[in-house]
Amino acid sequence: MSLIRSIVLIACVLLSCSIYSQAGNVTLTLPIVTLMDIEPSGNITLNFTAPTEAGNALVNPTPNTTKWINYSSAIASGGLTRRITASVNTVIAGLNITLQAAAASGAGGGTLGTPSAQVTLTTTPVTIISGIGGAYTGNGTSNGHRLTISLVPSSYALLANTTNTSILVTYTITE
């Protein structure tokens, strides 16, 4: 009989727990986030080298690969994906500034963007990364999309001596 009493007692305790349970609401807010930066901060320098033999072309500067794009993105339900564009404040006749974003790497996660093919920068913004959804790239160098920036002659006929010309590259994240 004591076994039956024990079973009945356990059943009563289990039933009483479910009868007296309570539920509570949890309020959750996930903000829409659109943040982007270039790491590390600071300027880069690209200089041509003069040829040492008559008839030879300028020696192009080594492409710069020290910059990374980092971003955090949380989009509204059903919202549009984001893209990153780049442009310059001025162009120099006879020269092309090219930019290539690599595939994302590092500590990030989510729906990371897809880089476009190498682009030539102009004063009109051009997409360099598209399809960014809810994602983060990680912060700092070695996280996000590595940028390769190159300077190449486009027309020797248009080249003119320029010294210490600063060009501002503007990156923008948008829907």
N, C-alpha and C. Protein backbone atom coordinates (compact mmCIF):
# COMPACT_ATOMS: atom_id res chain seq x y z
N MET A 1 0.78 -1.19 0.00
CA MET A 1 0.00 0.00 0.00
C MET A 1 0.83 1.27 0.00
N SER A 2 1.99 1.22 0.64
CA SER A 2 2.79 2.43 0.71
C SER A 2 3.29 2.85 -0.68
N LEU A 3 3.49 1.91 -1.59
CA LEU A 3 3.88 2.24 -2.94
C LEU A 3 2.76 3.00 -3.65
N ILE A 4 1.52 2.58 -3.47
CA ILE A 4 0.40 3.25 -4.09
C ILE A 4 0.24 4.64 -3.50
N ARG A 5 0.40 4.79 -2.19
CA ARG A 5 0.33 6.11 -1.56
C ARG A 5 1.42 7.03 -2.09
N SER A 6 2.61 6.49 -2.29
CA SER A 6 3.73 7.30 -2.81
C SER A 6 3.43 7.79 -4.22
N ILE A 7 2.88 6.90 -5.05
CA ILE A 7 2.55 7.28 -6.42
C ILE A 7 1.46 8.33 -6.43
N VAL A 8 0.45 8.16 -5.60
CA VAL A 8 -0.64 9.13 -5.50
C VAL A 8 -0.11 10.47 -5.00
N LEU A 9 0.77 10.44 -4.01
CA LEU A 9 1.34 11.67 -3.47
C LEU A 9 2.17 12.40 -4.53
N ILE A 10 2.99 11.68 -5.30
CA ILE A 10 3.80 12.30 -6.36
C ILE A 10 2.89 12.88 -7.43
N ALA A 11 1.84 12.16 -7.82
CA ALA A 11 0.90 12.66 -8.82
C ALA A 11 0.22 13.93 -8.34
N CYS A 12 -0.16 13.98 -7.06
CA CYS A 12 -0.81 15.18 -6.51
C CYS A 12 0.15 16.37 -6.53
N VAL A 13 1.40 16.13 -6.18
CA VAL A 13 2.39 17.21 -6.18
C VAL A 13 2.60 17.73 -7.61
N LEU A 14 2.73 16.84 -8.59
CA LEU A 14 2.93 17.25 -9.98
C LEU A 14 1.72 18.02 -10.49
N LEU A 15 0.52 17.57 -10.18
CA LEU A 15 -0.68 18.28 -10.62
C LEU A 15 -0.80 19.65 -9.96
N SER A 16 -0.43 19.71 -8.70
CA SER A 16 -0.54 21.00 -8.00
C SER A 16 0.46 22.01 -8.55
N CYS A 17 1.62 21.53 -9.00
CA CYS A 17 2.61 22.45 -9.58
C CYS A 17 2.09 23.04 -10.87
N SER A 18 1.47 22.24 -11.72
CA SER A 18 0.99 22.77 -12.98
C SER A 18 -0.24 23.66 -12.78
N ILE A 19 -1.01 23.42 -11.75
CA ILE A 19 -2.19 24.23 -11.48
C ILE A 19 -1.78 25.61 -11.00
N TYR A 20 -0.72 25.70 -10.26
CA TYR A 20 -0.30 26.97 -9.67
C TYR A 20 0.83 27.66 -10.42
N SER A 21 1.13 27.25 -11.65
CA SER A 21 2.19 27.90 -12.41
C SER A 21 1.72 29.26 -12.93
N GLN A 22 2.67 30.14 -13.18
CA GLN A 22 2.37 31.46 -13.69
C GLN A 22 3.23 31.73 -14.92
N ALA A 23 2.75 32.61 -15.78
CA ALA A 23 3.51 33.00 -16.97
C ALA A 23 3.72 34.51 -16.93
N GLY A 24 4.81 34.97 -17.51
CA GLY A 24 5.09 36.40 -17.60
C GLY A 24 5.49 36.77 -19.01
N ASN A 25 5.31 38.00 -19.35
CA ASN A 25 5.68 38.50 -20.67
C ASN A 25 7.08 39.07 -20.65
N VAL A 26 7.77 38.89 -21.73
CA VAL A 26 9.09 39.49 -21.91
C VAL A 26 8.98 40.45 -23.09
N THR A 27 9.40 41.69 -22.90
CA THR A 27 9.38 42.68 -23.97
C THR A 27 10.76 42.74 -24.60
N LEU A 28 10.80 42.68 -25.91
CA LEU A 28 12.07 42.65 -26.63
C LEU A 28 12.09 43.76 -27.67
N THR A 29 13.20 44.46 -27.75
CA THR A 29 13.39 45.49 -28.78
C THR A 29 14.71 45.21 -29.49
N LEU A 30 14.64 45.07 -30.80
CA LEU A 30 15.84 44.94 -31.62
C LEU A 30 15.89 46.15 -32.52
N PRO A 31 16.84 47.06 -32.27
CA PRO A 31 16.88 48.29 -33.07
C PRO A 31 17.40 48.03 -34.48
N ILE A 32 17.01 48.88 -35.40
CA ILE A 32 17.59 48.88 -36.73
C ILE A 32 18.97 49.53 -36.60
N VAL A 33 19.99 48.86 -37.12
CA VAL A 33 21.37 49.33 -36.96
C VAL A 33 22.02 49.44 -38.33
N THR A 34 22.70 50.55 -38.56
CA THR A 34 23.48 50.76 -39.78
C THR A 34 24.76 51.48 -39.39
N LEU A 35 25.83 50.74 -39.18
CA LEU A 35 27.12 51.33 -38.80
C LEU A 35 28.22 50.79 -39.71
N MET A 36 29.16 51.65 -40.06
CA MET A 36 30.28 51.25 -40.91
C MET A 36 31.47 52.13 -40.58
N ASP A 37 32.66 51.55 -40.62
CA ASP A 37 33.88 52.35 -40.53
C ASP A 37 35.01 51.68 -41.28
N ILE A 38 36.08 52.45 -41.46
CA ILE A 38 37.29 51.96 -42.13
C ILE A 38 38.37 51.83 -41.06
N GLU A 39 39.01 50.68 -41.03
CA GLU A 39 40.06 50.40 -40.06
C GLU A 39 41.36 50.05 -40.77
N PRO A 40 42.51 50.41 -40.28
CA PRO A 40 42.71 51.40 -39.22
C PRO A 40 42.51 52.80 -39.77
N SER A 41 42.36 53.75 -38.88
CA SER A 41 42.21 55.13 -39.32
C SER A 41 43.54 55.63 -39.88
N GLY A 42 43.50 56.74 -40.55
CA GLY A 42 44.72 57.33 -41.09
C GLY A 42 44.76 57.31 -42.61
N ASN A 43 45.72 58.00 -43.14
CA ASN A 43 45.87 58.17 -44.58
C ASN A 43 46.76 57.09 -45.16
N ILE A 44 46.68 56.94 -46.46
CA ILE A 44 47.63 56.09 -47.19
C ILE A 44 48.31 56.96 -48.24
N THR A 45 49.47 56.53 -48.67
CA THR A 45 50.22 57.26 -49.69
C THR A 45 50.55 56.32 -50.84
N LEU A 46 50.25 56.78 -52.05
CA LEU A 46 50.59 56.03 -53.25
C LEU A 46 51.43 56.94 -54.14
N ASN A 47 52.66 56.54 -54.45
CA ASN A 47 53.56 57.35 -55.27
C ASN A 47 54.10 56.53 -56.43
N PHE A 48 54.08 57.12 -57.60
CA PHE A 48 54.72 56.52 -58.76
C PHE A 48 56.22 56.67 -58.61
N THR A 49 56.97 55.77 -59.28
CA THR A 49 58.42 55.87 -59.33
C THR A 49 58.81 56.21 -60.77
N ALA A 50 59.66 57.20 -60.91
CA ALA A 50 60.11 57.60 -62.24
C ALA A 50 60.97 56.50 -62.84
N PRO A 51 60.87 56.29 -64.15
CA PRO A 51 61.73 55.27 -64.77
C PRO A 51 63.18 55.72 -64.74
N THR A 52 64.07 54.76 -64.78
CA THR A 52 65.50 55.08 -64.77
C THR A 52 66.11 54.97 -66.17
N GLU A 53 65.31 54.57 -67.13
CA GLU A 53 65.79 54.42 -68.50
C GLU A 53 64.80 55.10 -69.43
N ALA A 54 65.33 55.89 -70.35
CA ALA A 54 64.48 56.58 -71.33
C ALA A 54 63.65 55.56 -72.10
N GLY A 55 62.39 55.90 -72.29
CA GLY A 55 61.48 55.03 -73.04
C GLY A 55 60.67 54.08 -72.17
N ASN A 56 61.02 53.96 -70.91
CA ASN A 56 60.26 53.09 -70.02
C ASN A 56 59.10 53.85 -69.38
N ALA A 57 58.09 53.11 -68.99
CA ALA A 57 56.91 53.70 -68.35
C ALA A 57 57.18 53.97 -66.87
N LEU A 58 56.31 54.78 -66.28
CA LEU A 58 56.34 54.96 -64.83
C LEU A 58 56.16 53.61 -64.15
N VAL A 59 56.71 53.49 -62.95
CA VAL A 59 56.49 52.28 -62.16
C VAL A 59 55.32 52.58 -61.23
N ASN A 60 54.26 51.80 -61.39
CA ASN A 60 53.06 52.01 -60.57
C ASN A 60 53.35 51.75 -59.10
N PRO A 61 52.66 52.47 -58.22
CA PRO A 61 52.82 52.20 -56.79
C PRO A 61 52.29 50.81 -56.44
N THR A 62 52.85 50.22 -55.42
CA THR A 62 52.35 48.95 -54.92
C THR A 62 50.93 49.16 -54.39
N PRO A 63 49.97 48.32 -54.76
CA PRO A 63 48.61 48.48 -54.25
C PRO A 63 48.60 48.45 -52.72
N ASN A 64 47.74 49.27 -52.13
CA ASN A 64 47.64 49.35 -50.68
C ASN A 64 46.55 48.39 -50.20
N THR A 65 46.89 47.53 -49.23
CA THR A 65 45.93 46.56 -48.68
C THR A 65 45.80 46.68 -47.16
N THR A 66 46.06 47.87 -46.63
CA THR A 66 46.05 48.03 -45.18
C THR A 66 44.68 48.37 -44.60
N LYS A 67 43.71 48.72 -45.43
CA LYS A 67 42.40 49.17 -44.94
C LYS A 67 41.37 48.05 -44.99
N TRP A 68 40.47 48.09 -44.00
CA TRP A 68 39.38 47.12 -43.87
C TRP A 68 38.07 47.86 -43.66
N ILE A 69 36.98 47.37 -44.26
CA ILE A 69 35.64 47.89 -43.97
C ILE A 69 35.01 46.99 -42.92
N ASN A 70 34.56 47.61 -41.82
CA ASN A 70 33.80 46.93 -40.78
C ASN A 70 32.39 47.48 -40.79
N TYR A 71 31.39 46.63 -40.55
CA TYR A 71 30.02 47.12 -40.45
C TYR A 71 29.19 46.25 -39.52
N SER A 72 28.12 46.87 -39.00
CA SER A 72 27.07 46.19 -38.24
C SER A 72 25.76 46.58 -38.88
N SER A 73 24.88 45.59 -39.09
CA SER A 73 23.63 45.87 -39.79
C SER A 73 22.52 45.01 -39.19
N ALA A 74 21.45 45.65 -38.77
CA ALA A 74 20.22 44.95 -38.38
C ALA A 74 19.10 45.63 -39.15
N ILE A 75 18.45 44.87 -40.02
CA ILE A 75 17.43 45.47 -40.89
C ILE A 75 16.04 45.15 -40.35
N ALA A 76 15.07 45.96 -40.75
CA ALA A 76 13.68 45.74 -40.37
C ALA A 76 13.18 44.46 -41.04
N SER A 77 12.22 43.80 -40.41
CA SER A 77 11.63 42.60 -40.98
C SER A 77 11.11 42.91 -42.38
N GLY A 78 11.58 42.15 -43.35
CA GLY A 78 11.18 42.38 -44.74
C GLY A 78 11.87 43.57 -45.37
N GLY A 79 12.84 44.18 -44.66
CA GLY A 79 13.53 45.36 -45.17
C GLY A 79 14.51 45.03 -46.28
N LEU A 80 14.98 46.07 -46.92
CA LEU A 80 15.94 45.92 -48.01
C LEU A 80 17.32 45.62 -47.46
N THR A 81 18.11 44.88 -48.24
CA THR A 81 19.51 44.68 -47.86
C THR A 81 20.26 45.99 -48.09
N ARG A 82 21.43 46.05 -47.54
CA ARG A 82 22.23 47.28 -47.64
C ARG A 82 23.38 47.07 -48.62
N ARG A 83 23.99 48.21 -49.00
CA ARG A 83 25.16 48.18 -49.88
C ARG A 83 26.11 49.26 -49.42
N ILE A 84 27.36 49.11 -49.80
CA ILE A 84 28.39 50.12 -49.51
C ILE A 84 28.89 50.65 -50.84
N THR A 85 28.93 51.98 -50.94
CA THR A 85 29.45 52.63 -52.14
C THR A 85 30.72 53.39 -51.80
N ALA A 86 31.49 53.71 -52.83
CA ALA A 86 32.70 54.51 -52.67
C ALA A 86 32.77 55.51 -53.80
N SER A 87 33.33 56.68 -53.49
CA SER A 87 33.55 57.73 -54.49
C SER A 87 34.73 58.57 -54.05
N VAL A 88 35.23 59.39 -54.95
CA VAL A 88 36.32 60.31 -54.63
C VAL A 88 35.83 61.75 -54.82
N ASN A 89 36.49 62.68 -54.16
CA ASN A 89 36.09 64.09 -54.27
C ASN A 89 36.58 64.74 -55.55
N THR A 90 37.60 64.16 -56.15
CA THR A 90 38.14 64.70 -57.40
C THR A 90 38.86 63.59 -58.16
N VAL A 91 38.93 63.73 -59.46
CA VAL A 91 39.71 62.80 -60.28
C VAL A 91 40.90 63.56 -60.86
N ILE A 92 41.96 62.84 -61.13
CA ILE A 92 43.16 63.43 -61.72
C ILE A 92 43.26 62.93 -63.15
N ALA A 93 43.31 63.83 -64.09
CA ALA A 93 43.38 63.46 -65.51
C ALA A 93 44.54 62.51 -65.75
N GLY A 94 44.26 61.44 -66.47
CA GLY A 94 45.30 60.48 -66.83
C GLY A 94 45.54 59.40 -65.80
N LEU A 95 44.86 59.45 -64.63
CA LEU A 95 45.07 58.46 -63.57
C LEU A 95 43.76 57.81 -63.16
N ASN A 96 43.81 56.52 -62.86
CA ASN A 96 42.67 55.81 -62.30
C ASN A 96 43.00 55.35 -60.89
N ILE A 97 42.06 55.57 -59.99
CA ILE A 97 42.15 54.99 -58.65
C ILE A 97 41.19 53.82 -58.66
N THR A 98 41.72 52.60 -58.49
CA THR A 98 40.87 51.42 -58.50
C THR A 98 40.73 50.88 -57.08
N LEU A 99 39.60 50.23 -56.85
CA LEU A 99 39.30 49.70 -55.53
C LEU A 99 38.68 48.33 -55.68
N GLN A 100 39.13 47.41 -54.85
CA GLN A 100 38.56 46.06 -54.82
C GLN A 100 38.35 45.68 -53.36
N ALA A 101 37.11 45.31 -53.01
CA ALA A 101 36.82 44.79 -51.68
C ALA A 101 36.88 43.27 -51.77
N ALA A 102 37.55 42.65 -50.81
CA ALA A 102 37.64 41.18 -50.78
C ALA A 102 36.42 40.61 -50.08
N ALA A 103 36.24 39.31 -50.17
CA ALA A 103 35.17 38.63 -49.43
C ALA A 103 35.41 38.84 -47.93
N ALA A 104 34.34 38.87 -47.18
CA ALA A 104 34.45 39.09 -45.73
C ALA A 104 35.21 37.95 -45.07
N SER A 105 35.99 38.31 -44.06
CA SER A 105 36.72 37.32 -43.27
C SER A 105 36.82 37.84 -41.84
N GLY A 106 37.20 36.97 -40.94
CA GLY A 106 37.36 37.38 -39.55
C GLY A 106 36.25 36.86 -38.66
N ALA A 107 35.91 37.66 -37.65
CA ALA A 107 35.05 37.21 -36.56
C ALA A 107 33.57 37.46 -36.75
N GLY A 108 33.12 37.86 -37.91
CA GLY A 108 31.74 38.26 -38.11
C GLY A 108 30.77 37.11 -38.29
N GLY A 109 29.51 37.49 -38.53
CA GLY A 109 28.47 36.51 -38.77
C GLY A 109 27.25 37.16 -39.38
N GLY A 110 26.30 36.34 -39.81
CA GLY A 110 25.07 36.84 -40.40
C GLY A 110 25.17 36.85 -41.92
N THR A 111 24.33 37.66 -42.53
CA THR A 111 24.30 37.77 -43.99
C THR A 111 25.26 38.87 -44.42
N LEU A 112 26.53 38.49 -44.55
CA LEU A 112 27.58 39.44 -44.93
C LEU A 112 27.45 39.77 -46.41
N GLY A 113 27.92 40.95 -46.78
CA GLY A 113 27.79 41.42 -48.15
C GLY A 113 28.70 40.71 -49.13
N THR A 114 28.38 40.88 -50.40
CA THR A 114 29.14 40.31 -51.50
C THR A 114 29.89 41.43 -52.22
N PRO A 115 31.22 41.32 -52.32
CA PRO A 115 31.97 42.37 -53.02
C PRO A 115 31.72 42.35 -54.52
N SER A 116 31.78 43.53 -55.12
CA SER A 116 31.67 43.63 -56.57
C SER A 116 33.05 43.40 -57.17
N ALA A 117 33.12 43.41 -58.48
CA ALA A 117 34.40 43.34 -59.16
C ALA A 117 35.17 44.64 -58.90
N GLN A 118 36.43 44.65 -59.24
CA GLN A 118 37.24 45.87 -59.08
C GLN A 118 36.56 47.02 -59.81
N VAL A 119 36.56 48.19 -59.15
CA VAL A 119 35.92 49.38 -59.73
C VAL A 119 36.94 50.50 -59.85
N THR A 120 36.68 51.42 -60.77
CA THR A 120 37.45 52.65 -60.89
C THR A 120 36.64 53.74 -60.20
N LEU A 121 37.24 54.41 -59.23
CA LEU A 121 36.52 55.43 -58.46
C LEU A 121 36.40 56.73 -59.24
N THR A 122 35.20 57.31 -59.16
CA THR A 122 34.93 58.61 -59.75
C THR A 122 34.18 59.43 -58.72
N THR A 123 33.72 60.60 -59.11
CA THR A 123 32.95 61.43 -58.18
C THR A 123 31.52 60.92 -58.01
N THR A 124 31.12 59.96 -58.80
CA THR A 124 29.80 59.32 -58.67
C THR A 124 29.96 58.04 -57.85
N PRO A 125 29.20 57.87 -56.75
CA PRO A 125 29.34 56.66 -55.93
C PRO A 125 29.08 55.39 -56.74
N VAL A 126 29.91 54.38 -56.51
CA VAL A 126 29.78 53.09 -57.17
C VAL A 126 29.74 52.01 -56.08
N THR A 127 28.89 51.01 -56.27
CA THR A 127 28.73 49.95 -55.28
C THR A 127 29.97 49.06 -55.26
N ILE A 128 30.49 48.85 -54.03
CA ILE A 128 31.64 47.95 -53.87
C ILE A 128 31.28 46.70 -53.07
N ILE A 129 30.19 46.76 -52.27
CA ILE A 129 29.71 45.60 -51.52
C ILE A 129 28.18 45.69 -51.53
N SER A 130 27.51 44.59 -51.83
CA SER A 130 26.04 44.59 -51.86
C SER A 130 25.51 43.37 -51.10
N GLY A 131 24.19 43.37 -50.85
CA GLY A 131 23.54 42.22 -50.23
C GLY A 131 23.78 42.08 -48.74
N ILE A 132 24.07 43.17 -48.04
CA ILE A 132 24.31 43.11 -46.60
C ILE A 132 22.96 43.00 -45.89
N GLY A 133 22.78 41.94 -45.14
CA GLY A 133 21.56 41.75 -44.36
C GLY A 133 21.85 41.99 -42.89
N GLY A 134 21.20 41.22 -42.04
CA GLY A 134 21.52 41.27 -40.62
C GLY A 134 22.89 40.64 -40.43
N ALA A 135 23.88 41.45 -40.07
CA ALA A 135 25.25 40.94 -40.02
C ALA A 135 26.15 41.86 -39.21
N TYR A 136 27.30 41.32 -38.84
CA TYR A 136 28.39 42.11 -38.27
C TYR A 136 29.69 41.48 -38.74
N THR A 137 30.71 42.31 -38.93
CA THR A 137 31.96 41.81 -39.50
C THR A 137 33.06 41.55 -38.47
N GLY A 138 32.86 41.96 -37.24
CA GLY A 138 33.96 42.01 -36.31
C GLY A 138 34.60 43.38 -36.46
N ASN A 139 35.36 43.78 -35.48
CA ASN A 139 35.92 45.13 -35.46
C ASN A 139 37.43 45.12 -35.65
N GLY A 140 37.93 46.09 -36.39
CA GLY A 140 39.37 46.27 -36.54
C GLY A 140 39.94 45.57 -37.76
N THR A 141 41.26 45.64 -37.87
CA THR A 141 41.93 45.00 -39.00
C THR A 141 41.76 43.49 -38.91
N SER A 142 41.82 42.84 -40.04
CA SER A 142 41.63 41.40 -40.17
C SER A 142 40.19 40.97 -39.94
N ASN A 143 39.26 41.91 -39.87
CA ASN A 143 37.84 41.63 -39.77
C ASN A 143 37.12 42.45 -40.84
N GLY A 144 36.13 41.85 -41.47
CA GLY A 144 35.38 42.57 -42.50
C GLY A 144 35.93 42.30 -43.88
N HIS A 145 35.90 43.33 -44.71
CA HIS A 145 36.34 43.22 -46.10
C HIS A 145 37.65 44.00 -46.27
N ARG A 146 38.72 43.30 -46.65
CA ARG A 146 39.99 43.97 -46.92
C ARG A 146 39.86 44.74 -48.23
N LEU A 147 40.37 45.97 -48.23
CA LEU A 147 40.33 46.81 -49.43
C LEU A 147 41.69 46.83 -50.11
N THR A 148 41.68 46.76 -51.41
CA THR A 148 42.90 46.92 -52.21
C THR A 148 42.70 48.18 -53.05
N ILE A 149 43.55 49.18 -52.81
CA ILE A 149 43.47 50.45 -53.52
C ILE A 149 44.72 50.59 -54.39
N SER A 150 44.50 50.85 -55.68
CA SER A 150 45.60 50.95 -56.63
C SER A 150 45.51 52.26 -57.40
N LEU A 151 46.65 52.71 -57.87
CA LEU A 151 46.74 53.91 -58.70
C LEU A 151 47.47 53.51 -59.98
N VAL A 152 46.79 53.70 -61.13
CA VAL A 152 47.37 53.30 -62.41
C VAL A 152 47.10 54.38 -63.46
N PRO A 153 48.05 54.58 -64.38
CA PRO A 153 47.79 55.54 -65.45
C PRO A 153 46.66 55.05 -66.36
N SER A 154 45.80 55.96 -66.76
CA SER A 154 44.74 55.62 -67.72
C SER A 154 45.09 56.18 -69.10
N SER A 155 45.85 57.29 -69.12
CA SER A 155 46.25 57.90 -70.39
C SER A 155 47.51 58.72 -70.17
N TYR A 156 48.61 58.25 -70.71
CA TYR A 156 49.86 59.01 -70.59
C TYR A 156 49.74 60.39 -71.24
N ALA A 157 48.90 60.52 -72.26
CA ALA A 157 48.73 61.80 -72.94
C ALA A 157 48.15 62.86 -72.02
N LEU A 158 47.41 62.44 -70.97
CA LEU A 158 46.78 63.40 -70.07
C LEU A 158 47.57 63.63 -68.78
N LEU A 159 48.64 62.88 -68.59
CA LEU A 159 49.39 63.00 -67.33
C LEU A 159 50.08 64.36 -67.23
N ALA A 160 50.00 64.94 -66.05
CA ALA A 160 50.70 66.19 -65.75
C ALA A 160 51.32 66.04 -64.37
N ASN A 161 52.41 66.74 -64.16
CA ASN A 161 53.09 66.68 -62.87
C ASN A 161 52.14 67.11 -61.75
N THR A 162 51.96 66.23 -60.79
CA THR A 162 51.18 66.55 -59.59
C THR A 162 51.98 66.11 -58.38
N THR A 163 51.98 66.94 -57.36
CA THR A 163 52.73 66.65 -56.14
C THR A 163 51.83 66.84 -54.94
N ASN A 164 51.88 65.87 -54.04
CA ASN A 164 51.14 65.94 -52.77
C ASN A 164 49.66 66.27 -52.97
N THR A 165 49.04 65.63 -53.93
CA THR A 165 47.61 65.83 -54.17
C THR A 165 46.83 64.88 -53.29
N SER A 166 46.01 65.43 -52.42
CA SER A 166 45.18 64.61 -51.54
C SER A 166 43.82 64.37 -52.19
N ILE A 167 43.41 63.12 -52.15
CA ILE A 167 42.10 62.74 -52.68
C ILE A 167 41.35 62.07 -51.55
N LEU A 168 40.12 62.51 -51.33
CA LEU A 168 39.28 61.96 -50.28
C LEU A 168 38.40 60.86 -50.86
N VAL A 169 38.48 59.66 -50.28
CA VAL A 169 37.61 58.57 -50.68
C VAL A 169 36.48 58.53 -49.65
N THR A 170 35.23 58.57 -50.13
CA THR A 170 34.07 58.52 -49.25
C THR A 170 33.37 57.19 -49.40
N TYR A 171 33.17 56.51 -48.26
CA TYR A 171 32.44 55.24 -48.23
C TYR A 171 31.09 55.51 -47.58
N THR A 172 30.02 54.94 -48.14
CA THR A 172 28.68 55.16 -47.62
C THR A 172 27.94 53.83 -47.58
N ILE A 173 27.26 53.55 -46.45
CA ILE A 173 26.40 52.36 -46.35
C ILE A 173 24.96 52.86 -46.44
N THR A 174 24.18 52.20 -47.27
CA THR A 174 22.81 52.62 -47.52
C THR A 174 21.97 51.43 -47.94
N GLU A 175 20.63 51.62 -47.98
CA GLU A 175 19.74 50.57 -48.48
C GLU A 175 19.70 50.60 -49.99
